[in-house]
Every structure is written in C-alpha cells, then in structure tokens.
Amino acid sequence: MSSVNYRAPAASADYTEDRKHSSDVENSLPSDDIKEKEEHDPSALAATHVNFYDDAESEIVMNNGVRKVEAAQAVWSKKTRWILFTGLTMAVYIYSLDGVTTYQYLFYATSNANNHAMTGTVTTAAAIIIAVGRPLMAKFADTLGRAETYCIVTLLYMLGYVLLGSSNTIGQISGGTIVYSIGYSGLDLLTTIIVADATTLRWRGLINGVMSMPYVINCFISAEIVDALIPGKWRMGYFMFVILVPVCLGPVIGILLWSQNKAKKLELLRPVEEFTAKKPLQTIKNFLSEMDVIGLVLVGASLALILIPLGIAGRTASVEGWKDPGTIVMICLGVALFPVLCVWEWKYAAYPLAPKRFFKNRNIVASLTITWIDFISFYIVYTYQYSFISLVKTGVWSERSLSYFSNTMTLALCIFSVPCGAYMAWTRRYKWLTVAGLLIRLLGVGVMIKSRSAHGTDFELVACQLLQGLGGAIAAITCGIASQAGVTHADVGTVTALILLFSGIGNAFGSTVATAIWTNYYEDALVSNLPQLNMTEIAAYYASPASAVLLAYDDPIRVGITNAVSGIMKTMCIIATVVAIFPPLIAAFVMEDLELGDVQNTVDMKDLAGNKVESLGKRDVKAKAETERV
C-alpha cells in the first residue's frame, strides 16, 4: 500500500442509481456559498468531492471528465446500464475484430510497396504512438468526458483506415498507421476505464474477462474474412472498418451523451460549467494543464528518439549502422530526456501523467514493471511471427488455417481470462495467481525455441500458443486489478493509462529488438542458405518475402528461405525466454496481496454508490472481531 495519506472530504454528495426525483438531486448539490467560493478558487472543488488525495506533493481535484461520468451514474437505471454494457460489448467486438485481422494485411501492404523489411519499423512507430496515445486519451476522457473521447476515437479510426486501404507506398502506410494508432489506443483504454467506473474490485476481473469474449467469436469469423480477402483483396479488409467502427461505437456514445445531457439539465455539472464559461482563456490554460501537454511531448520525444534509431540502425550493415553519428545522437538525446520527464512530472506538472505517489505503491510498481518486461518478451517473437508462419506453412496450411493459428493465443487469452476472474472473485486474492500465470508464460516462450523452426510439429506450434495465452490472460487481469486497487476513483483513468503506456513501451522495445535482429541478420541468412542466387535476387526476396510463398513448398529457393527465417526466429525465441524469467520473480517478491472486496478501491473504502464499507472481506471481519475481544 502506498505511503500517501488519505482523508475523507469535508462534504460530499452521495448519488444513487435509483434517484427518482430531481429535488433529491438538487438537495445533494453544493450549497450556494460553496459554489461562490469555487468560482473564485478552483482548488476549493476538492472539498466537495469524495475522491481526492491529501498529498503534500500535489493537490488532486476532481476534473470535468470524471465529474461527468459520476454525474451520469446518478441518472442511470438498470435498463441504462444494460444498454451501456451492450454498447461496450459491441465496442470490444469491433476492437477485437480489428486486432485479429488487420495485422495480417500489413504483410501484404508492405510487400505491395516493395518494402517488407520496414514492417518492424512501422510496428515500432505504431507502438510508440499507441503508448503515448493512451495517456493522451486518458487525459481527454478525464478532461472532456468519456463520450466526447469516444467520438474522437471513432473519427481517427475511420480516417486511418481510409489512408491504409488506399496506400501504395511505405510513406502512405506509415501515415495511415499513425492516424489509426491514435484512435486504436483510445478504444481499449476507454472500455477499461468505464468498466472500472461501474464495477467493484471483487468482480472487476470477471467482468473484464466476460467483456473479452467477443474475441472468441472473432477468432473464427476472422479466419473466414481473411481467407476471403488475402492475398488479392487486403484493401477491403481496411475499408470495411470505416463503416463498422461508427456502427458499433454508436450505442455506447449515444447512451453516454444522453446521460451526461440529463445530468447537465439537473445541474450536476453546473459548478464547472459556470466557472469555465466566464473565462475562456483561463479555460484553455486549465485544459492544457490538465492534459499535461508538456509531459506528453516529452514522453513521445523520448521514446521516438530512442526506439526508432534502434529499429533502423541495422538497415545498412550490422556494424556500420551503429557508426552513424545521427543514430548515436538521437539515442543519447532520448535517454537524456527521460530524467527531464521525471523532473517535470514529479515537480512541476499540475496533473502529471505519472504522479510520484504511484511509485511509492508496491503494486503499481510491480504491475508496471511486469507489464513492461512481459510485453518486451512477447513482441520479440510476435513482430515477425506471421511472416515466419506464412513462409513455413503456406502450401501446407490453408489461409484459413494460418488465420486460426494466428488467433490461437488471442482465443486462449479470452477463454482463460473468465476462470481467472472467477477465481479472483472467489478467493479475493491475486498475487500467487499472478506468479503462476507468469511461470506458465515462461514455459510457453521456452517451448517456442524448438517449435519455431521448419521442423516444429503442428502440436508444438499450437501448444506454445495456448500456454502463452493461459499465462498472459492471468497476468493481464491480475496486474490491471492490482494497480487499480490502490488508487481512488479519480485516479483510475490515470493508472490504467500508465499500465497501458508501459505495455506500449514494452511493445515498442520488443518490436525494436525484433527489427534489429531481422534487419541485421536475415539478409546474411538468405545469402548462406541460397548460394545459387545473386545479390539482386537475394535483395528481391529480402524486400518482399511474400513472393516466396508463391513457390512450391519443396522448391530449393523456398526451402532455403524457410531455413533462413527459422534460424532468425530461434534467436528471437532464446532472447525472449531470457527476458521472460524476470516477471514471475518480481510478482513473487514485490507485489502485495490485497483483499479484493465489494468496493471501488481499497483507498477510500466506498462501494459504487459512494457509501462507506466497513470491511473488504473475511480477513478484515476476523481482524475486527479479534480487536474487539482484546
């Protein structure tokens, strides 16, 4: 538990779901004297809300976006909640369909542009944008509101896929990926935040698991879609989302806007609205401050300066690439910006992306570190996995089977997350479940050293996917809940974005390592395994590996390419296995095992209706009884 001290506010408004009369709501609003004080002193807002920190390092005030969602909950009924969760399910559905199909089109898009080697660089750039985009979207959600941020996400999604579907060059692919990645980063974040808004710690893991079940459906539907569109109609795979995204996100956007508007009519948002409307310049200044624009710029610049040069350094030669002065300077500047970022966030930022108090909390530190390292390990082998399986199994497996294999891990992640969440609801614990899951993940990565070769059996290929899916499901659910348990409701969005930021950074690091290995060694591996080809022919297969799948499976050139890519994948798997050793150790020796009770968090000890809860579970009841006996 964090060393930060927390105290109850001087006054608060307890809004309940079934409030029937507007007079009840009006009576719960701050008094006129408090409103008048708030108009002249925004910091006084803290005294009228339940969720804020009494922290000497920073004064946390309930911002406009969080006010909107809490006010909206005051007017929700059971029917409204059902509609909301139905909308969230549709949002998860389209997000999952995207996740299990579009990455396969990138293989053909980059090959069509005769620049497949840039796949890793594009993936790294996308990972950086997604990493920075998540705290950006969290800031939008907290500052503008959940519904407004969903609208931004929808527009970016549509524009990005229009650009990708019409791309012919690597530049156009990169541009479309940038726009799309910003929208993509917001969709899963918003869903996670809203689920946390509306569920208690005990059941949150199970609800998150159930919400992921659309992935299971899409693992089968996507195979049919991909089989119909690859290789010749991959552009349609992008264009279809221009229509599907707004259709699927419409219900959740509609219900959130409706409930916010109703809450506004009941004057639940009046204090903030009145204060900001009178001073537009001050409103802009406050908005930029809440967004922590400087922090976002520093995060993006630091990651870009470090990771992009690492990813492209090997495009010349394995040694010469590192002699480029520009590469060295960019990496050094990126590293130098990191302490600048820390100083800004911990000393000067009014609404930091990563508050210092978070790093006093063992669960948050453990969850961030585990997530970062685990994603590095995963993306070292995942970045070029589809390229590997396409080269090795095309002609043996159908496109449908290739798609099923690609989705095996996703299927396992979703199916196993439900019993994982149920176990947490039953035991109200998560630490040793986390350790077990990460050990299973380690086993799955180790198995890949043998299976990721031209001679790996189908059983071995599938088994390692299932093991990683089981372990990954446990780690994802438990780390998310562990990090949210130790912060108040006001900080749920920030800590969730921080976890996803570290996953994105891990994604970027892993993709960078994979890209460096591929660009440094794959061409040399082709030369060693294809002595019958000249350098022009080697360069053609290096630039567009997709052309090799058109050859017969036993063609000498196809066999040579398969052996080359198998050697590269073995190297990646060994490195990934070594990296995967550390997360279970961190979980065992750093993470705390908090009780998961029927509360929104363990800090203010309140249920979803804002009422104080005396105990979290059986352990607290027993401790209280022993205290009373003494």
Foldseek 3Di string as FASTA:
>chain_A
DFPFDADFAPEEAFAAQPDDDLVNVVVRDDDPVLLVVCLVPVLSQQRYHGAWGPGPQAGDHQAQQNLLVLLLSSHHDPVLVVLQLQLLLLLLLLLLLCVLALLLQVLQLLLLQLFNLCLLLLLLLLLLLLLLLQLLLLLCCRHVYLLVSLVQLLVLLLQLLVQCLPDRHPVSPSVSSNSNSSSSSNSVLSSLLVLLLPAFLLQSLQVVLVSNVSSLVSLQVSLVVNLVQPPPNSSVVSNVCSPSSCVSNVSNSVSSVVSSVVSVVSVSSVSVVVSCVVPVVVVVVVSCLSSVVVLSVLSSQLSCLAQSLLLCLLLPALPVSVVPPSNVVSNVVSVVSVVVSVCCQRHPRNNHLDYPSLVSALLLVLLLVLLLLLLLLVLLQVSCVLVLCLLLCQQPDRSSVSSSLSSLLVNLLSVLSNVLSVVCSVVLWQLVLLLVLLVLLLVLLVLCLPQLASPHDPCSSNVSSNSNSNSVNSSVSRSLSSSQQARTSSCNSSSSSSSSSSNSSSNSNNSSNNSSLCSHQLLVLLCVLCVVDDSVVSSSCSSNVVVLSVDNCPPSSSVSSRRSVSVSSSVSSVVSSVSSVPSSVSSVPRGDIDGRAQPSHPNSQAHSSRDHDQDRDDVSVVVVVVVVVD
